[in-house]
Protein backbone atom coordinates (compact mmCIF):
# COMPACT_ATOMS: atom_id res chain seq x y z
CA MET A 1 -11.11 105.63 182.49
CA LEU A 2 -12.95 102.94 180.55
CA ASN A 3 -14.31 105.54 178.11
CA PHE A 4 -10.77 106.75 177.48
CA ILE A 5 -9.57 103.21 176.75
CA ASN A 6 -12.50 102.63 174.39
CA PHE A 7 -11.69 105.90 172.63
CA ILE A 8 -8.05 104.86 172.17
CA VAL A 9 -8.98 101.38 170.90
CA ASN A 10 -11.63 102.71 168.55
CA SER A 11 -9.31 105.37 167.11
CA ILE A 12 -6.89 102.70 165.80
CA PRO A 13 -7.62 101.79 162.17
CA PRO A 14 -9.21 98.32 161.84
CA LEU A 15 -6.41 96.92 159.66
CA ALA A 16 -3.73 98.02 162.13
CA ARG A 17 -5.72 96.49 165.00
CA LYS A 18 -6.07 93.18 163.13
CA LEU A 19 -2.35 93.12 162.30
CA GLY A 20 -1.54 93.86 165.94
CA TYR A 21 -3.65 90.95 167.13
CA ALA A 22 -2.13 88.74 164.42
CA GLY A 23 1.28 89.44 165.98
CA LEU A 24 0.11 87.54 169.06
CA ILE A 25 -0.33 84.30 167.09
CA PRO A 26 3.38 83.27 167.24
CA PHE A 27 3.57 84.05 170.97
CA VAL A 28 0.49 82.00 171.80
CA GLY A 29 1.37 79.17 169.42
CA LEU A 30 4.95 78.83 170.61
CA ALA A 31 3.94 79.07 174.28
CA LEU A 32 1.45 76.24 173.73
CA MET A 33 4.11 74.20 171.97
CA VAL A 34 6.51 74.69 174.88
CA GLN A 35 3.87 73.36 177.27
CA LEU A 36 2.31 70.57 175.17
CA ALA A 37 4.96 69.30 172.74
CA PRO A 38 7.25 66.33 173.42
CA THR A 39 10.73 66.96 174.81
CA PRO A 40 12.89 67.63 171.72
CA VAL A 41 10.29 69.92 170.15
CA ASN A 42 9.61 71.97 173.27
CA TYR A 43 13.29 72.96 173.53
CA VAL A 44 13.25 74.27 169.97
CA SER A 45 9.93 76.01 170.67
CA ALA A 46 11.35 77.69 173.78
CA GLU A 47 14.36 78.97 171.85
CA SER A 48 12.09 80.19 169.05
CA LEU A 49 9.80 81.94 171.55
CA ALA A 50 12.78 83.71 173.14
CA GLY A 51 14.13 84.70 169.71
CA TYR A 52 10.77 86.03 168.54
CA GLY A 53 10.38 88.00 171.77
CA ALA A 54 13.85 89.50 171.31
CA MET A 55 13.03 90.43 167.72
CA ILE A 56 9.81 92.19 168.75
CA THR A 57 11.63 93.98 171.58
CA ALA A 58 14.33 95.19 169.15
CA PHE A 59 11.66 96.37 166.73
CA MET A 60 9.86 98.33 169.46
CA GLY A 61 13.18 99.86 170.52
CA ALA A 62 13.89 100.87 166.94
CA LEU A 63 10.48 102.54 166.74
CA HIS A 64 11.29 104.44 169.92
CA TRP A 65 14.59 105.71 168.54
CA GLY A 66 13.10 106.45 165.13
CA VAL A 67 10.41 108.68 166.62
CA ASN A 68 12.96 110.65 168.66
CA LEU A 69 15.40 111.31 165.79
CA PRO A 70 15.07 114.73 164.15
């Protein structure tokens, strides 16, 4: 199983892998701000985190529909 996962990860082009990991930066940054920022800022951070998550979910759903269209 581990060899299969390594094969999948290694078959992704390096630029695409780096861009995928870069997409985690807003999630991690906003989650840290929600936990560590003072009260008015953490509310804005929480709303931004929820909005960014919704945007990524909508994008992944659009990819799903785009692949299935003829």
